[in-house]
């Protein structure tokens, strides 16, 4: 299971992700769709442990990614599908990002 609890990311005065709370049950697929600047890539980067949230927590398979990143990342299965299907293109340009729940 992937749990996001009041997850937020601010860049100065700009709020990219605002208190996102979400549960993706084990074995489920979940997608983010939205316009550029909606916070999709920022959220995925926080789930993957690449980006530190301003507030909130990411829990993957019962492991908090900030407290135990190696154990949490070992349970994460993630993929990104870009709107123009250029897999090598930076994920920041994606219009669709899909994550699969923890192992």
Foldseek 3Di string as FASTA:
>chain_A
DKWWAQFWADDVPRTQDGGDTDDADAFHKDKDADDQSNNRVVVVCVLLVNDPTPDTFIAAPNRTCVVDVVVRNVFWDFDQAAPVRPRPDDSSRRRMTMTHGGD
